[in-house]
Amino acid sequence: MEYVIVRDGDGRALFLWVKEGQTRVCASDEVLMTELQGPLEIRDLDGRPVMPSEGEKFLDAASFHFLSMGFSVEKNYVGRCGLDDPYCLEESV
């Protein structure tokens, strides 16, 4: 499972991940996602908007987006941990 962790300066963490066998990106907290993302669309390196339904392409674009906004970003892959849930990743972080 590929995932991205975005940490803000207040110690909050946003998990973005693609569930096993799916393409749509899930977010651990939609409100925090909106707050951290700001008014800008998440775009790929060519400047095209990328949607969560684009899966790993969105994770790549989101990593760059949040990094360019000054947030701490970690992108990683972890084998199936038994749950398609971001909180099982906390043990591996």
PDB file of N, CA and C in Angstrom:
ATOM      1  N   MET A   1       0.855  -1.166   0.000  1.00  0.00           N
ATOM      2  CA  MET A   1       0.000   0.000   0.000  1.00  0.00           C
ATOM      3  C   MET A   1       0.903   1.232   0.000  1.00  0.00           C
ATOM      4  N   GLU A   2       0.673   2.110  -0.958  1.00  0.00           N
ATOM      5  CA  GLU A   2       1.433   3.351  -1.033  1.00  0.00           C
ATOM      6  C   GLU A   2       0.703   4.400  -0.204  1.00  0.00           C
ATOM      7  N   TYR A   3       1.467   5.212   0.518  1.00  0.00           N
ATOM      8  CA  TYR A   3       0.855   6.240   1.343  1.00  0.00           C
ATOM      9  C   TYR A   3       1.749   7.466   1.436  1.00  0.00           C
ATOM     10  N   VAL A   4       1.120   8.571   1.800  1.00  0.00           N
ATOM     11  CA  VAL A   4       1.811   9.837   2.023  1.00  0.00           C
ATOM     12  C   VAL A   4       1.363  10.340   3.384  1.00  0.00           C
ATOM     13  N   ILE A   5       2.318  10.838   4.167  1.00  0.00           N
ATOM     14  CA  ILE A   5       2.007  11.476   5.443  1.00  0.00           C
ATOM     15  C   ILE A   5       2.444  12.933   5.327  1.00  0.00           C
ATOM     16  N   VAL A   6       1.531  13.847   5.640  1.00  0.00           N
ATOM     17  CA  VAL A   6       1.824  15.276   5.639  1.00  0.00           C
ATOM     18  C   VAL A   6       1.691  15.745   7.077  1.00  0.00           C
ATOM     19  N   ARG A   7       2.735  16.385   7.591  1.00  0.00           N
ATOM     20  CA  ARG A   7       2.703  16.897   8.965  1.00  0.00           C
ATOM     21  C   ARG A   7       2.782  18.420   8.922  1.00  0.00           C
ATOM     22  N   ASP A   8       1.903  19.052   9.683  1.00  0.00           N
ATOM     23  CA  ASP A   8       1.949  20.501   9.747  1.00  0.00           C
ATOM     24  C   ASP A   8       2.769  20.929  10.961  1.00  0.00           C
ATOM     25  N   GLY A   9       2.932  22.210  11.150  1.00  0.00           N
ATOM     26  CA  GLY A   9       3.737  22.738  12.253  1.00  0.00           C
ATOM     27  C   GLY A   9       3.110  22.555  13.614  1.00  0.00           C
ATOM     28  N   ASP A  10       1.834  22.203  13.663  1.00  0.00           N
ATOM     29  CA  ASP A  10       1.135  22.009  14.937  1.00  0.00           C
ATOM     30  C   ASP A  10       1.143  20.559  15.394  1.00  0.00           C
ATOM     31  N   GLY A  11       1.878  19.700  14.684  1.00  0.00           N
ATOM     32  CA  GLY A  11       1.966  18.296  15.055  1.00  0.00           C
ATOM     33  C   GLY A  11       0.838  17.432  14.531  1.00  0.00           C
ATOM     34  N   ARG A  12      -0.046  17.994  13.729  1.00  0.00           N
ATOM     35  CA  ARG A  12      -1.121  17.190  13.141  1.00  0.00           C
ATOM     36  C   ARG A  12      -0.570  16.443  11.936  1.00  0.00           C
ATOM     37  N   ALA A  13      -1.134  15.266  11.687  1.00  0.00           N
ATOM     38  CA  ALA A  13      -0.687  14.455  10.557  1.00  0.00           C
ATOM     39  C   ALA A  13      -1.885  14.088   9.687  1.00  0.00           C
ATOM     40  N   LEU A  14      -1.690  14.206   8.391  1.00  0.00           N
ATOM     41  CA  LEU A  14      -2.689  13.820   7.405  1.00  0.00           C
ATOM     42  C   LEU A  14      -2.148  12.609   6.663  1.00  0.00           C
ATOM     43  N   PHE A  15      -2.915  11.532   6.638  1.00  0.00           N
ATOM     44  CA  PHE A  15      -2.539  10.332   5.897  1.00  0.00           C
ATOM     45  C   PHE A  15      -3.329  10.297   4.595  1.00  0.00           C
ATOM     46  N   LEU A  16      -2.646  10.047   3.498  1.00  0.00           N
ATOM     47  CA  LEU A  16      -3.285   9.815   2.201  1.00  0.00           C
ATOM     48  C   LEU A  16      -2.823   8.452   1.738  1.00  0.00           C
ATOM     49  N   TRP A  17      -3.741   7.603   1.301  1.00  0.00           N
ATOM     50  CA  TRP A  17      -3.355   6.258   0.893  1.00  0.00           C
ATOM     51  C   TRP A  17      -4.299   5.723  -0.161  1.00  0.00           C
ATOM     52  N   VAL A  18      -3.848   4.698  -0.863  1.00  0.00           N
ATOM     53  CA  VAL A  18      -4.662   3.999  -1.848  1.00  0.00           C
ATOM     54  C   VAL A  18      -4.963   2.620  -1.271  1.00  0.00           C
ATOM     55  N   LYS A  19      -6.233   2.315  -1.097  1.00  0.00           N
ATOM     56  CA  LYS A  19      -6.615   1.014  -0.550  1.00  0.00           C
ATOM     57  C   LYS A  19      -6.197  -0.101  -1.500  1.00  0.00           C
ATOM     58  N   GLU A  20      -5.916  -1.235  -0.932  1.00  0.00           N
ATOM     59  CA  GLU A  20      -5.528  -2.419  -1.696  1.00  0.00           C
ATOM     60  C   GLU A  20      -6.577  -2.726  -2.769  1.00  0.00           C
ATOM     61  N   GLY A  21      -6.137  -2.859  -4.007  1.00  0.00           N
ATOM     62  CA  GLY A  21      -7.035  -3.218  -5.099  1.00  0.00           C
ATOM     63  C   GLY A  21      -7.903  -2.085  -5.619  1.00  0.00           C
ATOM     64  N   GLN A  22      -7.687  -0.866  -5.139  1.00  0.00           N
ATOM     65  CA  GLN A  22      -8.470   0.269  -5.602  1.00  0.00           C
ATOM     66  C   GLN A  22      -7.548   1.344  -6.166  1.00  0.00           C
ATOM     67  N   THR A  23      -8.120   2.345  -6.792  1.00  0.00           N
ATOM     68  CA  THR A  23      -7.304   3.437  -7.327  1.00  0.00           C
ATOM     69  C   THR A  23      -7.571   4.753  -6.621  1.00  0.00           C
ATOM     70  N   ARG A  24      -8.726   4.930  -6.037  1.00  0.00           N
ATOM     71  CA  ARG A  24      -9.078   6.202  -5.406  1.00  0.00           C
ATOM     72  C   ARG A  24      -8.272   6.428  -4.124  1.00  0.00           C
ATOM     73  N   VAL A  25      -7.811   7.663  -3.948  1.00  0.00           N
ATOM     74  CA  VAL A  25      -7.052   8.025  -2.756  1.00  0.00           C
ATOM     75  C   VAL A  25      -8.012   8.311  -1.604  1.00  0.00           C
ATOM     76  N   CYS A  26      -7.662   7.824  -0.424  1.00  0.00           N
ATOM     77  CA  CYS A  26      -8.422   8.079   0.794  1.00  0.00           C
ATOM     78  C   CYS A  26      -7.623   9.063   1.648  1.00  0.00           C
ATOM     79  N   ALA A  27      -8.326   9.874   2.420  1.00  0.00           N
ATOM     80  CA  ALA A  27      -7.682  10.821   3.334  1.00  0.00           C
ATOM     81  C   ALA A  27      -8.172  10.543   4.738  1.00  0.00           C
ATOM     82  N   SER A  28      -7.261  10.614   5.708  1.00  0.00           N
ATOM     83  CA  SER A  28      -7.634  10.332   7.086  1.00  0.00           C
ATOM     84  C   SER A  28      -8.529  11.420   7.660  1.00  0.00           C
ATOM     85  N   ASP A  29      -8.460  12.631   7.116  1.00  0.00           N
ATOM     86  CA  ASP A  29      -9.249  13.742   7.643  1.00  0.00           C
ATOM     87  C   ASP A  29      -9.503  14.731   6.512  1.00  0.00           C
ATOM     88  N   GLU A  30     -10.712  14.706   5.945  1.00  0.00           N
ATOM     89  CA  GLU A  30     -11.033  15.566   4.799  1.00  0.00           C
ATOM     90  C   GLU A  30     -10.939  17.051   5.157  1.00  0.00           C
ATOM     91  N   VAL A  31     -11.319  17.418   6.380  1.00  0.00           N
ATOM     92  CA  VAL A  31     -11.252  18.820   6.805  1.00  0.00           C
ATOM     93  C   VAL A  31      -9.801  19.278   6.858  1.00  0.00           C
ATOM     94  N   LEU A  32      -8.939  18.455   7.444  1.00  0.00           N
ATOM     95  CA  LEU A  32      -7.514  18.789   7.508  1.00  0.00           C
ATOM     96  C   LEU A  32      -6.912  18.836   6.107  1.00  0.00           C
ATOM     97  N   MET A  33      -7.328  17.932   5.239  1.00  0.00           N
ATOM     98  CA  MET A  33      -6.862  17.925   3.851  1.00  0.00           C
ATOM     99  C   MET A  33      -7.180  19.264   3.189  1.00  0.00           C
ATOM    100  N   THR A  34      -8.409  19.716   3.326  1.00  0.00           N
ATOM    101  CA  THR A  34      -8.836  20.981   2.733  1.00  0.00           C
ATOM    102  C   THR A  34      -8.062  22.144   3.344  1.00  0.00           C
ATOM    103  N   GLU A  35      -7.875  22.111   4.654  1.00  0.00           N
ATOM    104  CA  GLU A  35      -7.160  23.184   5.344  1.00  0.00           C
ATOM    105  C   GLU A  35      -5.704  23.267   4.893  1.00  0.00           C
ATOM    106  N   LEU A  36      -5.032  22.129   4.836  1.00  0.00           N
ATOM    107  CA  LEU A  36      -3.621  22.126   4.460  1.00  0.00           C
ATOM    108  C   LEU A  36      -3.421  22.404   2.971  1.00  0.00           C
ATOM    109  N   GLN A  37      -4.341  21.923   2.146  1.00  0.00           N
ATOM    110  CA  GLN A  37      -4.212  22.106   0.702  1.00  0.00           C
ATOM    111  C   GLN A  37      -4.295  23.575   0.330  1.00  0.00           C
ATOM    112  N   GLY A  38      -5.101  24.332   1.050  1.00  0.00           N
ATOM    113  CA  GLY A  38      -5.271  25.733   0.724  1.00  0.00           C
ATOM    114  C   GLY A  38      -6.132  25.900  -0.516  1.00  0.00           C
ATOM    115  N   PRO A  39      -6.132  27.115  -1.091  1.00  0.00           N
ATOM    116  CA  PRO A  39      -7.025  27.392  -2.225  1.00  0.00           C
ATOM    117  C   PRO A  39      -6.540  26.819  -3.560  1.00  0.00           C
ATOM    118  N   LEU A  40      -5.336  26.290  -3.594  1.00  0.00           N
ATOM    119  CA  LEU A  40      -4.775  25.807  -4.855  1.00  0.00           C
ATOM    120  C   LEU A  40      -5.201  24.371  -5.146  1.00  0.00           C
ATOM    121  N   GLU A  41      -5.414  24.086  -6.425  1.00  0.00           N
ATOM    122  CA  GLU A  41      -5.672  22.710  -6.848  1.00  0.00           C
ATOM    123  C   GLU A  41      -4.369  21.928  -6.785  1.00  0.00           C
ATOM    124  N   ILE A  42      -4.482  20.630  -6.569  1.00  0.00           N
ATOM    125  CA  ILE A  42      -3.298  19.785  -6.642  1.00  0.00           C
ATOM    126  C   ILE A  42      -3.081  19.461  -8.110  1.00  0.00           C
ATOM    127  N   ARG A  43      -1.880  19.764  -8.585  1.00  0.00           N
ATOM    128  CA  ARG A  43      -1.550  19.615 -10.000  1.00  0.00           C
ATOM    129  C   ARG A  43      -0.310  18.749 -10.156  1.00  0.00           C
ATOM    130  N   ASP A  44      -0.196  18.110 -11.319  1.00  0.00           N
ATOM    131  CA  ASP A  44       1.001  17.323 -11.596  1.00  0.00           C
ATOM    132  C   ASP A  44       2.126  18.268 -12.032  1.00  0.00           C
ATOM    133  N   LEU A  45       3.290  17.714 -12.300  1.00  0.00           N
ATOM    134  CA  LEU A  45       4.436  18.549 -12.651  1.00  0.00           C
ATOM    135  C   LEU A  45       4.261  19.280 -13.976  1.00  0.00           C
ATOM    136  N   ASP A  46       3.317  18.836 -14.796  1.00  0.00           N
ATOM    137  CA  ASP A  46       3.017  19.526 -16.049  1.00  0.00           C
ATOM    138  C   ASP A  46       1.961  20.602 -15.868  1.00  0.00           C
ATOM    139  N   GLY A  47       1.475  20.788 -14.638  1.00  0.00           N
ATOM    140  CA  GLY A  47       0.504  21.830 -14.347  1.00  0.00           C
ATOM    141  C   GLY A  47      -0.953  21.437 -14.532  1.00  0.00           C
ATOM    142  N   ARG A  48      -1.218  20.170 -14.826  1.00  0.00           N
ATOM    143  CA  ARG A  48      -2.598  19.709 -14.994  1.00  0.00           C
ATOM    144  C   ARG A  48      -3.201  19.304 -13.654  1.00  0.00           C
ATOM    145  N   PRO A  49      -4.460  19.673 -13.394  1.00  0.00           N
ATOM    146  CA  PRO A  49      -5.111  19.253 -12.146  1.00  0.00           C
ATOM    147  C   PRO A  49      -5.178  17.728 -12.057  1.00  0.00           C
ATOM    148  N   VAL A  50      -4.975  17.205 -10.853  1.00  0.00           N
ATOM    149  CA  VAL A  50      -5.029  15.765 -10.608  1.00  0.00           C
ATOM    150  C   VAL A  50      -6.093  15.526  -9.539  1.00  0.00           C
ATOM    151  N   MET A  51      -6.918  14.517  -9.775  1.00  0.00           N
ATOM    152  CA  MET A  51      -8.016  14.207  -8.868  1.00  0.00           C
ATOM    153  C   MET A  51      -7.685  12.964  -8.033  1.00  0.00           C
ATOM    154  N   PRO A  52      -8.272  12.838  -6.822  1.00  0.00           N
ATOM    155  CA  PRO A  52      -8.034  11.659  -5.988  1.00  0.00           C
ATOM    156  C   PRO A  52      -8.362  10.337  -6.685  1.00  0.00           C
ATOM    157  N   SER A  53      -9.261  10.367  -7.650  1.00  0.00           N
ATOM    158  CA  SER A  53      -9.617   9.131  -8.364  1.00  0.00           C
ATOM    159  C   SER A  53      -8.474   8.625  -9.240  1.00  0.00           C
ATOM    160  N   GLU A  54      -7.416   9.432  -9.390  1.00  0.00           N
ATOM    161  CA  GLU A  54      -6.269   9.026 -10.199  1.00  0.00           C
ATOM    162  C   GLU A  54      -5.206   8.289  -9.384  1.00  0.00           C
ATOM    163  N   GLY A  55      -5.538   7.960  -8.147  1.00  0.00           N
ATOM    164  CA  GLY A  55      -4.706   7.092  -7.324  1.00  0.00           C
ATOM    165  C   GLY A  55      -3.283   7.547  -7.112  1.00  0.00           C
ATOM    166  N   GLU A  56      -2.335   6.701  -7.514  1.00  0.00           N
ATOM    167  CA  GLU A  56      -0.922   6.971  -7.251  1.00  0.00           C
ATOM    168  C   GLU A  56      -0.440   8.253  -7.921  1.00  0.00           C
ATOM    169  N   LYS A  57      -1.016   8.597  -9.056  1.00  0.00           N
ATOM    170  CA  LYS A  57      -0.662   9.870  -9.711  1.00  0.00           C
ATOM    171  C   LYS A  57      -1.021  11.039  -8.793  1.00  0.00           C
ATOM    172  N   PHE A  58      -2.171  10.933  -8.109  1.00  0.00           N
ATOM    173  CA  PHE A  58      -2.568  11.969  -7.163  1.00  0.00           C
ATOM    174  C   PHE A  58      -1.616  12.007  -5.974  1.00  0.00           C
ATOM    175  N   LEU A  59      -1.208  10.846  -5.470  1.00  0.00           N
ATOM    176  CA  LEU A  59      -0.269  10.813  -4.342  1.00  0.00           C
ATOM    177  C   LEU A  59       1.047  11.501  -4.708  1.00  0.00           C
ATOM    178  N   ASP A  60       1.535  11.253  -5.921  1.00  0.00           N
ATOM    179  CA  ASP A  60       2.764  11.910  -6.377  1.00  0.00           C
ATOM    180  C   ASP A  60       2.588  13.422  -6.413  1.00  0.00           C
ATOM    181  N   ALA A  61       1.478  13.870  -6.999  1.00  0.00           N
ATOM    182  CA  ALA A  61       1.214  15.308  -7.111  1.00  0.00           C
ATOM    183  C   ALA A  61       1.005  15.935  -5.736  1.00  0.00           C
ATOM    184  N   ALA A  62       0.307  15.225  -4.848  1.00  0.00           N
ATOM    185  CA  ALA A  62       0.060  15.741  -3.501  1.00  0.00           C
ATOM    186  C   ALA A  62       1.368  15.866  -2.726  1.00  0.00           C
ATOM    187  N   SER A  63       2.254  14.908  -2.887  1.00  0.00           N
ATOM    188  CA  SER A  63       3.562  14.976  -2.217  1.00  0.00           C
ATOM    189  C   SER A  63       4.284  16.255  -2.608  1.00  0.00           C
ATOM    190  N   PHE A  64       4.342  16.521  -3.896  1.00  0.00           N
ATOM    191  CA  PHE A  64       5.008  17.724  -4.399  1.00  0.00           C
ATOM    192  C   PHE A  64       4.278  18.985  -3.930  1.00  0.00           C
ATOM    193  N   HIS A  65       2.954  18.972  -3.996  1.00  0.00           N
ATOM    194  CA  HIS A  65       2.139  20.125  -3.593  1.00  0.00           C
ATOM    195  C   HIS A  65       2.421  20.512  -2.141  1.00  0.00           C
ATOM    196  N   PHE A  66       2.319  19.538  -1.236  1.00  0.00           N
ATOM    197  CA  PHE A  66       2.499  19.841   0.183  1.00  0.00           C
ATOM    198  C   PHE A  66       3.950  20.172   0.515  1.00  0.00           C
ATOM    199  N   LEU A  67       4.880  19.524  -0.149  1.00  0.00           N
ATOM    200  CA  LEU A  67       6.291  19.833   0.059  1.00  0.00           C
ATOM    201  C   LEU A  67       6.585  21.270  -0.365  1.00  0.00           C
ATOM    202  N   SER A  68       6.040  21.687  -1.501  1.00  0.00           N
ATOM    203  CA  SER A  68       6.271  23.050  -1.992  1.00  0.00           C
ATOM    204  C   SER A  68       5.607  24.095  -1.100  1.00  0.00           C
ATOM    205  N   MET A  69       4.608  23.674  -0.298  1.00  0.00           N
ATOM    206  CA  MET A  69       3.967  24.589   0.645  1.00  0.00           C
ATOM    207  C   MET A  69       4.711  24.637   1.978  1.00  0.00           C
ATOM    208  N   GLY A  70       5.792  23.864   2.105  1.00  0.00           N
ATOM    209  CA  GLY A  70       6.618  23.909   3.301  1.00  0.00           C
ATOM    210  C   GLY A  70       6.272  22.889   4.366  1.00  0.00           C
ATOM    211  N   PHE A  71       5.366  21.959   4.060  1.00  0.00           N
ATOM    212  CA  PHE A  71       5.019  20.922   5.039  1.00  0.00           C
ATOM    213  C   PHE A  71       6.031  19.790   4.983  1.00  0.00           C
ATOM    214  N   SER A  72       6.141  19.061   6.086  1.00  0.00           N
ATOM    215  CA  SER A  72       6.955  17.855   6.134  1.00  0.00           C
ATOM    216  C   SER A  72       6.162  16.741   5.459  1.00  0.00           C
ATOM    217  N   VAL A  73       6.763  16.124   4.447  1.00  0.00           N
ATOM    218  CA  VAL A  73       6.069  15.101   3.665  1.00  0.00           C
ATOM    219  C   VAL A  73       6.903  13.830   3.638  1.00  0.00           C
ATOM    220  N   GLU A  74       6.240  12.710   3.872  1.00  0.00           N
ATOM    221  CA  GLU A  74       6.895  11.401   3.764  1.00  0.00           C
ATOM    222  C   GLU A  74       6.053  10.550   2.834  1.00  0.00           C
ATOM    223  N   LYS A  75       6.661  10.024   1.800  1.00  0.00           N
ATOM    224  CA  LYS A  75       5.968   9.124   0.883  1.00  0.00           C
ATOM    225  C   LYS A  75       6.640   7.772   0.993  1.00  0.00           C
ATOM    226  N   ASN A  76       5.834   6.740   1.135  1.00  0.00           N
ATOM    227  CA  ASN A  76       6.412   5.430   1.371  1.00  0.00           C
ATOM    228  C   ASN A  76       5.451   4.356   0.889  1.00  0.00           C
ATOM    229  N   TYR A  77       5.924   3.132   0.983  1.00  0.00           N
ATOM    230  CA  TYR A  77       5.117   1.965   0.645  1.00  0.00           C
ATOM    231  C   TYR A  77       5.269   0.973   1.778  1.00  0.00           C
ATOM    232  N   VAL A  78       4.165   0.392   2.183  1.00  0.00           N
ATOM    233  CA  VAL A  78       4.214  -0.651   3.201  1.00  0.00           C
ATOM    234  C   VAL A  78       3.365  -1.808   2.692  1.00  0.00           C
ATOM    235  N   GLY A  79       3.838  -3.011   2.930  1.00  0.00           N
ATOM    236  CA  GLY A  79       3.053  -4.178   2.528  1.00  0.00           C
ATOM    237  C   GLY A  79       1.735  -4.207   3.268  1.00  0.00           C
ATOM    238  N   ARG A  80       0.827  -4.981   2.782  1.00  0.00           N
ATOM    239  CA  ARG A  80      -0.504  -5.061   3.393  1.00  0.00           C
ATOM    240  C   ARG A  80      -0.361  -5.368   4.878  1.00  0.00           C
ATOM    241  N   CYS A  81      -0.919  -4.509   5.704  1.00  0.00           N
ATOM    242  CA  CYS A  81      -0.769  -4.664   7.152  1.00  0.00           C
ATOM    243  C   CYS A  81      -2.032  -5.236   7.789  1.00  0.00           C
ATOM    244  N   GLY A  82      -2.893  -5.837   6.982  1.00  0.00           N
ATOM    245  CA  GLY A  82      -4.083  -6.458   7.539  1.00  0.00           C
ATOM    246  C   GLY A  82      -5.297  -5.557   7.502  1.00  0.00           C
ATOM    247  N   LEU A  83      -5.076  -4.262   7.429  1.00  0.00           N
ATOM    248  CA  LEU A  83      -6.174  -3.300   7.398  1.00  0.00           C
ATOM    249  C   LEU A  83      -5.894  -2.282   6.308  1.00  0.00           C
ATOM    250  N   ASP A  84      -6.909  -1.875   5.588  1.00  0.00           N
ATOM    251  CA  ASP A  84      -6.750  -0.754   4.663  1.00  0.00           C
ATOM    252  C   ASP A  84      -7.157   0.502   5.420  1.00  0.00           C
ATOM    253  N   ASP A  85      -6.322   0.881   6.327  1.00  0.00           N
ATOM    254  CA  ASP A  85      -6.638   1.929   7.281  1.00  0.00           C
ATOM    255  C   ASP A  85      -5.343   2.675   7.596  1.00  0.00           C
ATOM    256  N   PRO A  86      -5.348   4.007   7.584  1.00  0.00           N
ATOM    257  CA  PRO A  86      -4.102   4.735   7.819  1.00  0.00           C
ATOM    258  C   PRO A  86      -3.551   4.545   9.221  1.00  0.00           C
ATOM    259  N   TYR A  87      -4.397   4.230  10.187  1.00  0.00           N
ATOM    260  CA  TYR A  87      -3.928   4.157  11.557  1.00  0.00           C
ATOM    261  C   TYR A  87      -3.052   2.935  11.809  1.00  0.00           C
ATOM    262  N   CYS A  88      -3.133   1.924  10.958  1.00  0.00           N
ATOM    263  CA  CYS A  88      -2.226   0.790  11.109  1.00  0.00           C
ATOM    264  C   CYS A  88      -0.826   1.199  10.665  1.00  0.00           C
ATOM    265  N   LEU A  89      -0.725   2.315   9.927  1.00  0.00           N
ATOM    266  CA  LEU A  89       0.588   2.784   9.467  1.00  0.00           C
ATOM    267  C   LEU A  89       1.361   3.474  10.583  1.00  0.00           C
ATOM    268  N   GLU A  90       0.663   3.974  11.605  1.00  0.00           N
ATOM    269  CA  GLU A  90       1.346   4.699  12.664  1.00  0.00           C
ATOM    270  C   GLU A  90       2.446   3.871  13.301  1.00  0.00           C
ATOM    271  N   GLU A  91       2.267   2.556  13.342  1.00  0.00           N
ATOM    272  CA  GLU A  91       3.279   1.689  13.930  1.00  0.00           C
ATOM    273  C   GLU A  91       4.517   1.619  13.058  1.00  0.00           C
ATOM    274  N   SER A  92       4.371   1.849  11.749  1.00  0.00           N
ATOM    275  CA  SER A  92       5.509   1.748  10.854  1.00  0.00           C
ATOM    276  C   SER A  92       6.198   3.088  10.627  1.00  0.00           C
ATOM    277  N   VAL A  93       5.653   4.157  11.189  1.00  0.00           N
ATOM    278  CA  VAL A  93       6.211   5.491  10.981  1.00  0.00           C
ATOM    279  C   VAL A  93       7.161   5.825  12.115  1.00  0.00           C
TER     280      VAL A  93
END
